[in-house]
Protein backbone atom coordinates (compact mmCIF):
# COMPACT_ATOMS: atom_id res chain seq x y z
CA MET A 1 97.53 194.73 98.63
CA LEU A 2 96.24 191.84 100.78
CA ASP A 3 99.83 190.83 101.54
CA VAL A 4 100.58 194.34 102.77
CA PHE A 5 97.63 194.25 105.23
CA LYS A 6 98.71 190.80 106.39
CA GLY A 7 102.19 192.14 107.11
CA ILE A 8 100.79 195.04 109.10
CA SER A 9 98.51 192.80 111.16
CA GLN A 10 101.42 190.46 112.00
CA ALA A 11 103.55 193.41 113.13
CA ILE A 12 100.84 194.62 115.56
CA GLY A 13 100.11 192.44 118.57
CA SER A 14 96.78 191.86 120.32
CA ASP A 15 97.55 194.72 122.69
CA GLY A 16 98.01 197.14 119.80
CA LYS A 17 101.79 197.45 120.22
CA ASP A 18 104.22 197.18 117.34
CA THR A 19 105.92 193.78 117.57
CA SER A 20 108.00 194.03 114.39
CA PRO A 21 111.77 193.51 114.89
CA ALA A 22 113.98 196.58 115.14
CA PRO A 23 115.61 197.53 111.83
CA ARG A 24 119.06 195.98 111.41
CA ARG A 25 121.91 198.44 111.34
CA PRO A 26 124.21 198.00 108.34
CA LYS A 27 127.64 196.55 109.08
CA ILE A 28 130.19 199.33 109.45
CA GLY A 29 133.72 198.83 108.16
CA LEU A 30 136.61 201.10 109.14
CA ALA A 31 139.62 201.35 106.81
CA LEU A 32 142.56 202.93 108.65
CA GLY A 33 145.38 204.12 106.41
CA GLY A 34 149.14 204.27 106.87
CA GLY A 35 151.15 207.36 107.76
CA ALA A 36 153.57 206.55 110.62
CA ALA A 37 153.27 209.13 113.45
CA ARG A 38 150.38 210.85 111.68
CA GLY A 39 148.42 207.65 112.24
CA PHE A 40 147.93 208.56 115.90
CA ALA A 41 145.04 210.61 114.47
CA HIS A 42 143.20 207.28 114.14
CA ILE A 43 142.88 207.26 117.94
CA GLY A 44 140.91 210.50 117.85
CA ILE A 45 138.84 209.19 114.94
CA LEU A 46 137.85 206.04 116.82
CA ARG A 47 137.08 207.94 120.02
CA THR A 48 134.80 210.39 118.21
CA LEU A 49 132.99 207.73 116.19
CA ILE A 50 132.23 205.68 119.30
CA ALA A 51 131.13 208.77 121.26
CA ASN A 52 128.56 209.37 118.52
CA GLY A 53 127.27 205.80 118.60
CA ILE A 54 129.08 204.74 115.41
CA VAL A 55 130.73 201.45 116.38
CA PRO A 56 132.66 199.53 113.69
CA ASP A 57 131.95 195.84 113.07
CA ILE A 58 134.98 195.39 110.82
CA ILE A 59 138.40 197.04 111.04
CA VAL A 60 141.10 196.77 108.40
CA GLY A 61 144.34 198.66 108.84
CA THR A 62 147.51 199.36 106.93
CA SER A 63 150.78 200.19 108.73
CA ILE A 64 150.04 202.41 111.78
CA GLY A 65 146.35 201.92 110.95
CA ALA A 66 146.79 198.20 111.66
CA VAL A 67 148.34 199.01 115.05
CA VAL A 68 145.64 201.47 116.16
CA GLY A 69 142.85 199.30 114.77
CA GLY A 70 144.28 196.20 116.43
CA SER A 71 144.58 198.05 119.73
CA TYR A 72 140.88 198.91 119.60
CA ALA A 73 139.82 195.42 118.50
CA ALA A 74 141.82 193.86 121.34
CA GLY A 75 140.35 196.22 123.95
CA HIS A 76 143.68 197.98 124.59
CA LEU A 77 143.09 201.36 122.97
CA ASP A 78 143.31 203.12 126.36
CA THR A 79 146.70 201.55 127.05
CA PHE A 80 148.01 202.35 123.58
CA GLU A 81 146.79 205.95 123.75
CA ALA A 82 148.40 206.50 127.17
CA TRP A 83 151.70 205.15 125.81
CA ALA A 84 151.48 207.36 122.70
CA ARG A 85 150.72 210.52 124.69
CA HIS A 86 153.75 209.98 126.94
CA LEU A 87 156.25 209.58 124.11
CA GLY A 88 158.94 212.26 124.00
CA PRO A 89 161.70 212.88 121.42
CA ARG A 90 164.27 211.03 123.52
CA SER A 91 162.02 208.07 124.34
CA VAL A 92 161.12 207.70 120.66
CA PHE A 93 164.80 207.35 119.77
CA GLY A 94 165.10 204.73 122.51
CA TYR A 95 162.79 202.43 120.56
CA LEU A 96 164.95 202.63 117.43
CA ASP A 97 167.43 199.76 117.59
CA ILE A 98 169.47 200.98 114.64
CA ARG A 99 171.69 198.43 112.92
CA LEU A 100 173.80 198.23 109.78
CA ASN A 101 172.95 194.66 108.79
CA GLY A 102 169.72 192.95 107.90
CA SER A 103 166.88 194.20 105.67
CA GLY A 104 166.20 197.45 107.51
CA LEU A 105 167.99 200.25 109.36
CA ILE A 106 165.83 199.49 112.40
CA GLY A 107 165.59 195.97 113.77
CA GLY A 108 162.28 196.67 115.49
CA ASP A 109 162.89 194.37 118.45
CA LYS A 110 162.44 197.11 121.07
CA LEU A 111 159.13 198.24 119.62
CA ALA A 112 158.02 194.63 119.24
CA ALA A 113 158.78 194.05 122.93
CA GLN A 114 156.50 196.98 123.81
CA LEU A 115 153.72 195.54 121.66
CA ASP A 116 154.20 192.08 123.19
CA ALA A 117 153.95 193.57 126.68
CA THR A 118 150.64 195.21 125.72
CA PHE A 119 148.95 192.50 123.63
CA GLY A 120 150.67 189.29 124.72
CA ARG A 121 149.79 186.19 122.72
CA ILE A 122 146.40 187.42 121.44
CA ASN A 123 145.38 185.84 118.14
CA ILE A 124 143.28 187.66 115.56
CA GLU A 125 140.71 184.85 115.65
CA GLU A 126 140.04 185.65 119.31
CA LEU A 127 139.08 189.29 118.69
CA PRO A 128 135.41 190.24 119.21
CA LEU A 129 135.14 191.80 115.73
CA LYS A 130 136.49 191.14 112.25
CA TYR A 131 140.03 192.46 111.82
CA ALA A 132 142.75 192.31 109.21
CA ALA A 133 146.14 193.95 108.70
CA VAL A 134 147.38 194.61 105.18
CA ALA A 135 150.97 193.74 104.25
CA THR A 136 152.97 193.29 101.05
CA GLU A 137 154.91 190.17 100.07
CA VAL A 138 158.43 191.21 99.10
CA LYS A 139 159.10 188.61 96.42
CA THR A 140 155.82 188.80 94.50
CA GLY A 141 154.28 192.16 95.42
CA HIS A 142 151.09 190.38 96.44
CA GLU A 143 148.68 192.16 98.77
CA ILE A 144 148.40 190.03 101.90
CA TRP A 145 145.43 190.26 104.28
CA LEU A 146 146.52 188.99 107.69
CA ASN A 147 143.27 187.88 109.32
CA HIS A 148 144.46 185.05 111.55
CA GLY A 149 147.48 184.26 113.69
CA ARG A 150 149.27 186.44 116.26
CA LEU A 151 148.01 190.02 116.35
CA VAL A 152 151.45 191.49 117.08
CA ASP A 153 153.03 189.65 114.13
CA ALA A 154 150.35 191.04 111.80
CA MET A 155 150.93 194.57 113.11
CA ARG A 156 154.71 194.32 112.67
CA ALA A 157 154.42 193.05 109.11
CA SER A 158 151.97 195.80 108.20
CA TYR A 159 154.21 198.66 109.43
CA ALA A 160 157.55 197.24 108.22
CA LEU A 161 158.50 200.28 106.10
CA PRO A 162 160.95 198.98 103.44
CA GLY A 163 164.54 199.91 104.19
CA ILE A 164 163.61 201.37 107.60
CA PHE A 165 162.16 198.40 109.49
CA ALA A 166 163.29 194.83 108.91
CA SER A 167 160.90 192.67 106.89
CA ILE A 168 158.86 190.10 108.85
CA LEU A 169 158.64 186.37 108.09
CA ILE A 170 155.13 184.96 108.55
CA GLY A 171 154.74 181.39 107.36
CA ASP A 172 156.86 181.19 104.22
CA ARG A 173 156.36 184.83 103.19
CA TRP A 174 158.63 187.81 103.84
CA LEU A 175 156.34 190.78 104.40
CA VAL A 176 156.73 194.57 104.47
CA ASP A 177 154.48 197.62 104.80
CA GLY A 178 151.03 197.20 103.25
CA ALA A 179 151.03 200.82 102.06
CA LEU A 180 153.05 199.67 99.05
CA VAL A 181 149.90 198.11 97.60
CA ASN A 182 146.86 199.37 99.56
CA PRO A 183 147.51 202.43 101.75
CA VAL A 184 143.83 202.90 102.75
CA PRO A 185 142.27 199.40 102.56
CA VAL A 186 138.70 200.16 101.51
CA SER A 187 138.53 197.09 99.24
CA ALA A 188 139.54 194.76 102.07
CA ALA A 189 136.86 196.16 104.38
CA ARG A 190 134.18 195.61 101.72
CA ALA A 191 135.40 192.08 101.01
CA MET A 192 135.11 191.25 104.72
CA GLY A 193 131.43 192.14 104.73
CA ALA A 194 131.20 195.87 105.38
CA GLU A 195 128.03 197.45 103.98
CA ILE A 196 129.24 200.98 104.64
CA VAL A 197 132.95 201.81 104.67
CA ILE A 198 134.44 204.78 106.53
CA ALA A 199 137.98 205.39 105.27
CA CYS A 200 140.57 207.35 107.22
CA ASN A 201 143.39 208.83 105.15
CA VAL A 202 146.14 210.58 107.13
CA SER A 203 148.27 211.31 104.06
CA THR A 204 145.87 213.52 102.17
CA ASP A 205 147.51 216.94 102.62
CA ILE A 206 151.16 215.94 102.69
CA THR A 207 152.38 216.50 99.14
CA GLY A 208 149.64 218.74 97.79
CA HIS A 209 148.46 217.72 94.36
CA GLY A 210 151.77 216.77 92.78
CA THR A 211 152.25 220.02 90.90
CA ILE A 212 154.82 219.97 88.08
CA VAL A 213 157.44 222.65 88.65
CA SER A 214 160.04 223.77 86.13
CA HIS A 215 163.29 224.17 88.01
CA GLY A 216 166.99 224.41 87.24
CA THR A 217 170.29 226.05 88.15
CA PRO A 218 173.25 227.38 86.17
CA GLU A 219 175.85 224.73 85.38
CA ASP A 220 178.38 226.27 87.74
CA ALA A 221 175.89 226.64 90.59
CA VAL A 222 175.43 222.97 91.48
CA VAL A 223 176.11 222.64 95.21
CA PRO A 224 177.03 219.18 96.52
CA GLU A 225 175.67 217.92 99.82
CA PRO A 226 177.82 219.42 102.59
CA ALA A 227 180.03 217.02 104.49
CA PRO A 228 179.36 216.64 108.20
CA GLU A 229 181.33 219.12 110.25
CA LYS A 230 184.40 217.67 111.94
CA LYS A 231 185.16 218.69 115.48
CA ARG A 232 188.72 218.51 116.76
CA PHE A 233 187.84 218.87 120.39
CA GLY A 234 184.96 217.99 122.61
CA PHE A 235 183.30 214.82 123.85
CA PHE A 236 182.15 212.42 121.13
CA SER A 237 178.49 211.45 121.44
CA ALA A 238 177.51 208.34 119.51
CA GLU A 239 173.83 209.09 120.15
CA LYS A 240 174.02 212.60 118.67
CA THR A 241 176.02 211.36 115.69
CA MET A 242 173.51 208.59 115.00
CA LYS A 243 170.59 210.99 115.29
CA ARG A 244 172.25 213.45 112.91
CA GLU A 245 172.95 210.81 110.27
CA PHE A 246 169.59 209.10 110.68
CA PHE A 247 167.27 212.12 110.95
CA GLY A 248 169.51 214.73 109.30
CA ALA A 249 170.63 218.17 110.39
CA PRO A 250 169.45 221.71 109.61
CA GLY A 251 169.65 222.15 105.85
CA ARG A 252 170.55 218.50 105.19
CA PRO A 253 168.13 215.55 105.16
CA GLY A 254 169.17 212.31 106.80
CA ILE A 255 168.94 208.76 105.48
CA SER A 256 165.54 208.08 107.02
CA THR A 257 164.13 211.43 105.89
CA VAL A 258 164.96 210.80 102.23
CA MET A 259 163.66 207.22 102.31
CA VAL A 260 160.46 208.07 104.16
CA ASP A 261 159.67 211.15 102.06
CA ALA A 262 160.17 209.13 98.87
CA PHE A 263 157.91 206.38 100.20
CA ASN A 264 155.37 208.99 101.23
CA ILE A 265 155.17 210.49 97.72
CA MET A 266 154.62 207.04 96.28
CA GLN A 267 151.98 206.21 98.90
CA ASP A 268 150.10 209.42 98.15
CA ARG A 269 149.89 208.57 94.44
CA ILE A 270 148.78 204.99 95.13
CA THR A 271 146.15 206.18 97.62
CA ARG A 272 144.59 208.54 95.10
CA ALA A 273 144.40 205.81 92.47
CA ARG A 274 142.94 203.21 94.84
CA LEU A 275 140.34 205.56 96.34
CA ALA A 276 139.29 206.74 92.87
CA GLY A 277 138.73 203.14 91.77
CA ASP A 278 137.00 202.01 94.98
CA PRO A 279 135.77 205.09 96.86
CA PRO A 280 134.56 204.74 100.46
CA ASP A 281 131.10 205.80 101.57
CA VAL A 282 132.68 208.45 103.80
CA LEU A 283 136.28 209.72 103.81
CA ILE A 284 137.82 211.25 106.93
CA SER A 285 140.98 213.26 106.25
CA PRO A 286 142.69 214.81 109.29
CA ARG A 287 144.87 217.82 108.50
CA VAL A 288 148.16 216.39 109.72
CA GLY A 289 150.42 217.29 106.80
CA ARG A 290 152.69 219.48 108.95
CA ILE A 291 153.48 216.60 111.30
CA GLY A 292 156.53 214.55 110.31
CA TRP A 293 156.45 210.80 109.88
CA PHE A 294 158.82 210.33 112.82
CA ASP A 295 157.15 212.96 115.04
CA PHE A 296 155.78 210.31 117.37
CA HIS A 297 156.17 212.75 120.26
CA ARG A 298 153.30 214.81 118.79
CA ALA A 299 150.58 212.24 119.48
CA GLU A 300 148.39 214.74 121.32
CA GLU A 301 148.23 217.00 118.25
CA CYS A 302 147.48 214.09 115.93
CA ILE A 303 144.69 212.77 118.15
CA ALA A 304 143.11 216.24 118.30
CA HIS A 305 143.25 216.53 114.49
CA GLY A 306 141.55 213.14 114.21
CA GLU A 307 138.78 214.22 116.57
CA ARG A 308 138.11 217.45 114.66
CA ALA A 309 138.11 215.74 111.27
CA THR A 310 135.63 213.12 112.49
CA GLU A 311 133.33 215.73 113.99
CA ARG A 312 133.18 217.35 110.55
CA ALA A 313 132.21 213.99 109.00
CA ILE A 314 129.62 212.80 111.56
CA GLU A 315 126.63 214.23 109.70
CA SER A 316 127.71 212.56 106.44
CA ILE A 317 128.19 209.22 108.21
CA GLN A 318 124.76 209.39 109.84
CA GLU A 319 123.17 210.23 106.49
CA ALA A 320 124.88 207.24 104.87
CA LEU A 321 123.73 204.95 107.69
CA GLY A 322 120.20 206.30 107.39
CA MET A 323 120.10 205.54 103.67
CA LEU A 324 121.00 201.90 104.34
CA THR A 325 118.86 201.34 107.44
CA PRO A 326 115.23 200.31 106.67
CA THR A 327 112.50 202.05 108.67
CA ALA A 328 109.95 200.12 110.70
CA SER A 329 107.40 200.48 107.87
CA GLN A 330 109.74 198.99 105.29
CA PRO A 331 110.09 195.25 104.69
CA PRO A 332 113.49 193.73 105.60
CA GLY A 333 116.19 194.00 102.97
CA THR A 334 115.04 197.35 101.63
CA ALA A 335 116.62 200.75 102.20
CA GLN A 336 115.19 204.20 102.34
CA GLN A 337 114.68 205.84 98.98
CA ASP A 338 115.81 209.33 98.21
CA PRO A 339 112.65 211.47 98.09
CA ALA A 340 114.10 213.28 95.08
C-alpha cells in the first residue's frame, strides 16, 4: 500500500498537476492481403484509418497489398491513388507487355517502369516505418519476407502471379506471388513487433464458402470449347485478338481468366486456414467479390468499398486499442481489465 501512495505522490508535482507520462499507444500492425485489382480497396482502408487517428507503425503486404502498403510507407499514396483512379480499360492493357517466352505471360517491364518512375531507388531500410513484402521462393516454397533492399523489387516479387507475371530474381532466389503461402500476412506483422494487428482481406466474398455441388451431363451432351470464329474479310486487329485470347470472350474464358480464377480459389482456401490458425485482432473485409481481378479500371469502386468496410470496423479497432492502452492510473505495462 505504501508503494502505491509513493507512486501517486511522484506522479503529482508540487503545483498539483499530474506529471505522469502519457500512456503508450500499442504498436499497430497492418496486414494487407492480395487480390489484384480488388486490392485498390486498401487505399480506402488506409485513408479511413488515418482519418480516424489510427496510424500503423508496421505494414506487411502480400501482392497488391505490398504495393499499396509500400506506397503509403514511402509517402507516395497520393500519387499511386491518382494513377489508379485514372486507369481505363485501354490504358490497363497498355501495361501488359504480353510475351510467349519466359516464366510468365506478362513480362512486367512496363508496369515496373511506372513503379520506378514513382518510387525511384528508395530502399526499404529508408522508410519511416517498418515494412515488409511477402513473396514465395519458387524452388523451395519458402515464405520470404522482403524487409530490406529496393522497394520496387520487393513489390514486383510479391505480386508476381505464377504463370501471369514473370518471376523475379532477388539475390539468388527466384520469387513469385506471396499469396501462395501467406495471402493475408498477420503472422509477419506480429513477428515484426505489432501488438495489435488489423488484417485486410479483399478475397473474402469471392468464392462463397466452397459449397460442394453435384453436377453432371448426359454422355452425349458434352460440349467442347468453341473454336474462335474465323473472319474471311475485314481488318485484322492484333490488339483485339490478343485481348480475346488473353481475357476471353462472351461465353468462353481466356487463358488469364482460367489461371487467375484457379489461383483465386486456392488463395481463398489458404487464407481461411491461415486466419483460423493466427487470427488478427480486427479483420476488415471489403465487399469486392463482384470486381474482377483484372478490373483495374474500377479503382474508384474498390476504394469506396474499402472506406465503407473500414468505417464499419472503426469501433472494434478503437475497443481493441483501448483494451491494450493503460490508463493514467495504471502502472506501465498493464492493460485495462474487462469489468466483466
